[in-house]
Amino acid sequence: MAQTEPQLQSTVNEVINTLPPVWDRIRSNLRAAAIENFGITLEQFHILRHIRKGYDSVAKLAEQKGISRPAASQAVTVLVKKGLVTRTIQPEDRRAIQLTLTPYAREVLDANFEKNRLWMSEKMQALTPEQLQTISAAMLLLKDTFTPQK
């Protein structure tokens, strides 16, 4: 499918002008829910999300977040005290400590994401089925376009 340079540049500009503000609003809503309803900071929320994704050591968290190991360790200590994370010494290497979410932390994350989905549903409720389909199709196209090829 041939595309004109002006059309391509216009589409690039629309994506750049649309996605960051939309994502900022979604993140702001997630942050508000984490702080107000669950008593955790946005940074703590992100640490929980990263542990859920498999970054299960202070070293992995520090590398992923681009922070020092002491800063990551301090954040984890707060989460341990709040009953959201457990530390387990690995029998094969006593220096290795695995981080795991507690059942309560999984509930906190699930509830926060569900609250955000409900908020988004309310925002999008007035859209027609055709508009919703257009957004879904556009999201799939963007995902496919920007997913790294292996």
Protein backbone atom coordinates (compact mmCIF):
# COMPACT_ATOMS: atom_id res chain seq x y z
CA MET A 1 0.00 0.00 0.00
CA ALA A 2 1.59 3.24 -1.13
CA GLN A 3 1.49 6.22 1.14
CA THR A 4 2.38 9.80 0.55
CA GLU A 5 5.07 11.48 2.61
CA PRO A 6 2.68 14.20 3.86
CA GLN A 7 0.15 11.54 4.95
CA LEU A 8 2.86 9.58 6.74
CA GLN A 9 4.20 12.68 8.52
CA SER A 10 0.67 13.74 9.47
CA THR A 11 0.00 10.32 10.99
CA VAL A 12 3.32 10.34 12.87
CA ASN A 13 2.44 13.77 14.27
CA GLU A 14 -1.03 12.56 15.34
CA VAL A 15 0.48 9.59 17.17
CA ILE A 16 3.07 11.79 18.89
CA ASN A 17 0.46 14.40 19.82
CA THR A 18 -2.12 11.85 21.03
CA LEU A 19 -0.44 8.94 22.79
CA PRO A 20 1.68 10.77 25.41
CA PRO A 21 -1.20 12.87 26.83
CA VAL A 22 -3.55 9.87 26.84
CA TRP A 23 -0.95 7.69 28.53
CA ASP A 24 -0.21 10.48 31.04
CA ARG A 25 -3.90 10.56 32.04
CA ILE A 26 -4.01 6.77 32.40
CA ARG A 27 -0.83 6.80 34.52
CA SER A 28 -2.17 9.67 36.60
CA ASN A 29 -5.30 7.65 37.33
CA LEU A 30 -3.21 4.59 38.27
CA ARG A 31 -1.06 6.75 40.55
CA ALA A 32 -4.08 8.30 42.26
CA ALA A 33 -5.60 4.88 42.89
CA ALA A 34 -2.32 3.49 44.23
CA ILE A 35 -1.79 6.41 46.58
CA GLU A 36 -5.35 7.02 47.71
CA ASN A 37 -6.75 3.51 47.91
CA PHE A 38 -3.73 1.37 48.69
CA GLY A 39 -1.35 3.65 50.59
CA ILE A 40 1.58 3.14 48.24
CA THR A 41 3.55 5.58 46.14
CA LEU A 42 3.80 5.44 42.38
CA GLU A 43 7.40 4.23 42.69
CA GLN A 44 6.30 1.43 45.02
CA PHE A 45 3.53 0.56 42.58
CA HIS A 46 6.09 0.31 39.76
CA ILE A 47 8.38 -1.87 41.87
CA LEU A 48 5.45 -4.23 42.51
CA ARG A 49 4.67 -4.34 38.79
CA HIS A 50 8.29 -5.14 37.95
CA ILE A 51 8.44 -7.93 40.52
CA ARG A 52 5.24 -9.32 39.01
CA LYS A 53 6.91 -9.25 35.58
CA GLY A 54 9.80 -11.36 36.86
CA TYR A 55 12.37 -8.84 38.07
CA ASP A 56 12.71 -10.81 41.29
CA SER A 57 15.92 -9.48 42.79
CA VAL A 58 17.15 -6.10 43.95
CA ALA A 59 19.87 -6.19 41.27
CA LYS A 60 17.33 -6.87 38.49
CA LEU A 61 15.01 -4.16 39.80
CA ALA A 62 17.83 -1.62 40.02
CA GLU A 63 18.95 -2.37 36.48
CA GLN A 64 15.41 -2.28 35.06
CA LYS A 65 14.50 0.96 36.88
CA GLY A 66 17.87 2.62 36.25
CA ILE A 67 18.45 3.23 39.95
CA SER A 68 21.17 2.22 42.39
CA ARG A 69 20.99 -1.08 44.23
CA PRO A 70 20.75 0.70 47.60
CA ALA A 71 17.77 2.73 46.32
CA ALA A 72 16.08 -0.41 45.01
CA SER A 73 16.81 -2.21 48.28
CA GLN A 74 15.34 0.65 50.28
CA ALA A 75 12.15 0.62 48.18
CA VAL A 76 11.86 -3.16 48.63
CA THR A 77 12.35 -2.82 52.40
CA VAL A 78 9.37 -0.45 52.57
CA LEU A 79 7.26 -2.91 50.55
CA VAL A 80 8.31 -5.77 52.83
CA LYS A 81 7.26 -3.72 55.87
CA LYS A 82 3.90 -3.02 54.21
CA GLY A 83 3.35 -6.75 53.71
CA LEU A 84 3.49 -6.54 49.92
CA VAL A 85 6.79 -8.31 49.18
CA THR A 86 8.67 -11.21 50.74
CA ARG A 87 12.40 -11.88 50.57
CA THR A 88 13.54 -15.50 50.33
CA ILE A 89 17.16 -16.59 50.63
CA GLN A 90 17.99 -19.07 47.89
CA PRO A 91 19.40 -22.34 49.25
CA GLU A 92 21.85 -22.78 46.38
CA ASP A 93 23.37 -19.31 46.95
CA ARG A 94 22.73 -17.69 50.33
CA ARG A 95 23.73 -14.31 48.86
CA ALA A 96 20.86 -14.50 46.36
CA ILE A 97 17.56 -13.21 47.68
CA GLN A 98 14.43 -13.74 45.63
CA LEU A 99 11.62 -11.19 45.82
CA THR A 100 8.04 -12.41 45.66
CA LEU A 101 4.72 -10.62 45.79
CA THR A 102 2.48 -11.53 48.69
CA PRO A 103 -1.12 -12.53 47.96
CA TYR A 104 -2.13 -9.12 49.31
CA ALA A 105 0.18 -7.39 46.80
CA ARG A 106 -1.37 -9.36 43.94
CA GLU A 107 -4.80 -8.24 45.20
CA VAL A 108 -3.60 -4.61 45.36
CA LEU A 109 -2.28 -4.73 41.80
CA ASP A 110 -5.36 -6.49 40.45
CA ALA A 111 -7.70 -4.07 42.21
CA ASN A 112 -5.74 -1.06 40.98
CA PHE A 113 -5.75 -2.25 37.38
CA GLU A 114 -9.45 -3.12 37.60
CA LYS A 115 -10.24 0.33 38.98
CA ASN A 116 -8.30 1.84 36.07
CA ARG A 117 -10.15 -0.34 33.54
CA LEU A 118 -13.47 0.84 35.00
CA TRP A 119 -12.33 4.46 34.80
CA MET A 120 -11.29 3.97 31.17
CA SER A 121 -14.62 2.27 30.40
CA GLU A 122 -16.46 5.27 31.82
CA LYS A 123 -14.37 7.62 29.66
CA MET A 124 -15.01 5.55 26.52
CA GLN A 125 -18.66 4.71 27.22
CA ALA A 126 -20.04 7.38 24.88
CA LEU A 127 -18.11 6.05 21.86
CA THR A 128 -20.04 4.20 19.21
CA PRO A 129 -19.28 0.55 18.42
CA GLU A 130 -17.65 1.71 15.18
CA GLN A 131 -15.41 4.15 17.04
CA LEU A 132 -14.43 1.48 19.55
CA GLN A 133 -13.58 -0.89 16.68
CA THR A 134 -11.50 1.84 15.02
CA ILE A 135 -9.54 2.42 18.23
CA SER A 136 -9.00 -1.32 18.71
CA ALA A 137 -7.79 -1.73 15.15
CA ALA A 138 -5.46 1.26 15.49
CA MET A 139 -4.00 -0.10 18.75
CA LEU A 140 -3.31 -3.48 17.13
CA LEU A 141 -1.63 -1.78 14.18
CA LEU A 142 0.55 0.32 16.48
CA LYS A 143 1.43 -2.70 18.59
CA ASP A 144 2.41 -4.72 15.51
CA THR A 145 4.34 -1.77 14.04
CA PHE A 146 6.39 -1.09 17.15
CA THR A 147 6.90 -4.61 18.50
CA PRO A 148 10.55 -5.54 18.00
CA GLN A 149 11.11 -8.26 15.42
CA LYS A 150 12.98 -11.31 16.71
